[in-house]
C-alpha atoms as a PDB file:
ATOM      1  CA  MET A   1     147.338  88.740   9.820  1.00  0.00           C
ATOM      2  CA  GLN A   2     147.270  92.039  10.068  1.00  0.00           C
ATOM      3  CA  ASN A   3     150.563  94.078  12.015  1.00  0.00           C
ATOM      4  CA  THR A   4     149.433  95.743  14.952  1.00  0.00           C
ATOM      5  CA  CYS A   5     151.173  98.905  16.465  1.00  0.00           C
ATOM      6  CA  ALA A   6     151.223  99.231  20.465  1.00  0.00           C
ATOM      7  CA  GLU A   7     151.123 103.196  20.362  1.00  0.00           C
ATOM      8  CA  CYS A   8     147.935 102.745  17.895  1.00  0.00           C
ATOM      9  CA  ASP A   9     146.368 100.181  20.531  1.00  0.00           C
ATOM     10  CA  ARG A  10     147.004 102.428  23.695  1.00  0.00           C
ATOM     11  CA  LEU A  11     146.257 105.833  21.732  1.00  0.00           C
ATOM     12  CA  TRP A  12     142.713 104.042  20.880  1.00  0.00           C
ATOM     13  CA  ASP A  13     142.071 103.049  24.477  1.00  0.00           C
ATOM     14  CA  GLU A  14     142.935 106.416  25.664  1.00  0.00           C
ATOM     15  CA  TYR A  15     140.092 107.739  23.007  1.00  0.00           C
ATOM     16  CA  THR A  16     137.875 105.502  23.872  1.00  0.00           C
ATOM     17  CA  GLN A  17     138.063 106.069  27.777  1.00  0.00           C
ATOM     18  CA  ALA A  18     137.987 109.638  26.980  1.00  0.00           C
ATOM     19  CA  LYS A  19     134.667 109.034  24.845  1.00  0.00           C
ATOM     20  CA  THR A  20     133.027 107.218  27.544  1.00  0.00           C
ATOM     21  CA  ALA A  21     133.681 109.776  30.334  1.00  0.00           C
ATOM     22  CA  HIS A  22     132.419 112.208  28.307  1.00  0.00           C
ATOM     23  CA  LEU A  23     129.379 110.748  26.825  1.00  0.00           C
ATOM     24  CA  THR A  24     128.590 109.466  30.831  1.00  0.00           C
ATOM     25  CA  VAL A  25     128.659 113.510  31.789  1.00  0.00           C
ATOM     26  CA  ILE A  26     126.621 114.288  28.502  1.00  0.00           C
ATOM     27  CA  VAL A  27     124.185 111.971  29.618  1.00  0.00           C
ATOM     28  CA  GLN A  28     124.322 113.163  33.513  1.00  0.00           C
ATOM     29  CA  HIS A  29     124.006 117.095  32.247  1.00  0.00           C
ATOM     30  CA  HIS A  30     121.122 116.336  29.784  1.00  0.00           C
ATOM     31  CA  LYS A  31     119.298 114.450  32.927  1.00  0.00           C
ATOM     32  CA  ALA A  32     119.849 117.442  34.954  1.00  0.00           C
ATOM     33  CA  VAL A  33     118.387 119.819  32.110  1.00  0.00           C
ATOM     34  CA  VAL A  34     115.253 117.642  32.058  1.00  0.00           C
ATOM     35  CA  GLN A  35     115.131 117.867  35.443  1.00  0.00           C
ATOM     36  CA  LYS A  36     115.806 121.485  35.813  1.00  0.00           C
ATOM     37  CA  ASP A  37     118.387 120.942  38.217  1.00  0.00           C
ATOM     38  CA  SER A  38     120.545 124.034  37.811  1.00  0.00           C
ATOM     39  CA  ALA A  39     122.891 123.292  40.866  1.00  0.00           C
ATOM     40  CA  VAL A  40     123.924 119.888  38.796  1.00  0.00           C
ATOM     41  CA  VAL A  41     124.093 121.476  35.487  1.00  0.00           C
ATOM     42  CA  ASP A  42     126.365 124.462  37.092  1.00  0.00           C
ATOM     43  CA  ALA A  43     128.623 121.883  38.539  1.00  0.00           C
ATOM     44  CA  ILE A  44     129.064 119.418  35.414  1.00  0.00           C
ATOM     45  CA  ALA A  45     129.524 122.185  32.998  1.00  0.00           C
ATOM     46  CA  PRO A  46     133.069 122.785  33.710  1.00  0.00           C
ATOM     47  CA  LEU A  47     133.662 118.610  33.729  1.00  0.00           C
ATOM     48  CA  LYS A  48     131.944 118.574  30.580  1.00  0.00           C
ATOM     49  CA  TYR A  49     134.359 120.957  28.819  1.00  0.00           C
ATOM     50  CA  ASP A  50     137.333 119.511  30.239  1.00  0.00           C
ATOM     51  CA  LEU A  51     136.011 115.782  28.867  1.00  0.00           C
ATOM     52  CA  ALA A  52     135.304 117.355  25.539  1.00  0.00           C
ATOM     53  CA  GLN A  53     138.863 119.039  25.567  1.00  0.00           C
ATOM     54  CA  ARG A  54     140.391 115.386  26.638  1.00  0.00           C
ATOM     55  CA  GLU A  55     138.816 113.478  23.775  1.00  0.00           C
ATOM     56  CA  LEU A  56     139.662 115.892  21.253  1.00  0.00           C
ATOM     57  CA  LYS A  57     143.339 115.887  22.322  1.00  0.00           C
ATOM     58  CA  ALA A  58     142.818 111.886  22.178  1.00  0.00           C
ATOM     59  CA  ARG A  59     141.456 111.951  18.388  1.00  0.00           C
ATOM     60  CA  ARG A  60     144.035 114.214  17.779  1.00  0.00           C
ATOM     61  CA  ALA A  61     146.975 112.417  19.081  1.00  0.00           C
ATOM     62  CA  ILE A  62     145.553 108.908  16.585  1.00  0.00           C
ATOM     63  CA  SER A  63     145.224 111.251  13.813  1.00  0.00           C
ATOM     64  CA  GLU A  64     148.857 112.387  14.086  1.00  0.00           C
ATOM     65  CA  HIS A  65     150.208 108.706  14.966  1.00  0.00           C
ATOM     66  CA  GLU A  66     148.172 107.201  11.944  1.00  0.00           C
ATOM     67  CA  ALA A  67     150.147 109.957   9.898  1.00  0.00           C
ATOM     68  CA  ALA A  68     153.549 108.675  10.756  1.00  0.00           C
ATOM     69  CA  HIS A  69     152.249 104.989   9.224  1.00  0.00           C
ATOM     70  CA  GLU A  70     151.359 106.354   5.876  1.00  0.00           C
ATOM     71  CA  PRO A  71     153.912 106.344   3.451  1.00  0.00           C
ATOM     72  CA  LEU A  72     155.745 109.127   2.368  1.00  0.00           C
END
């Protein structure tokens, strides 16, 4: 049985939530673009950016934590 790390699990859960939220907003943004709904596009833009940053931060946290598991 493989050893598990609670912090790894927590970080991956956080990343999954961030990725899901980001993809949801990307889909909403795409629909608004297709429908030429500039009000929605403008409203979603800051959220889309914030969620992209949240996703990158979560992925970076995983990478940094996983490095701690690697032997020196």
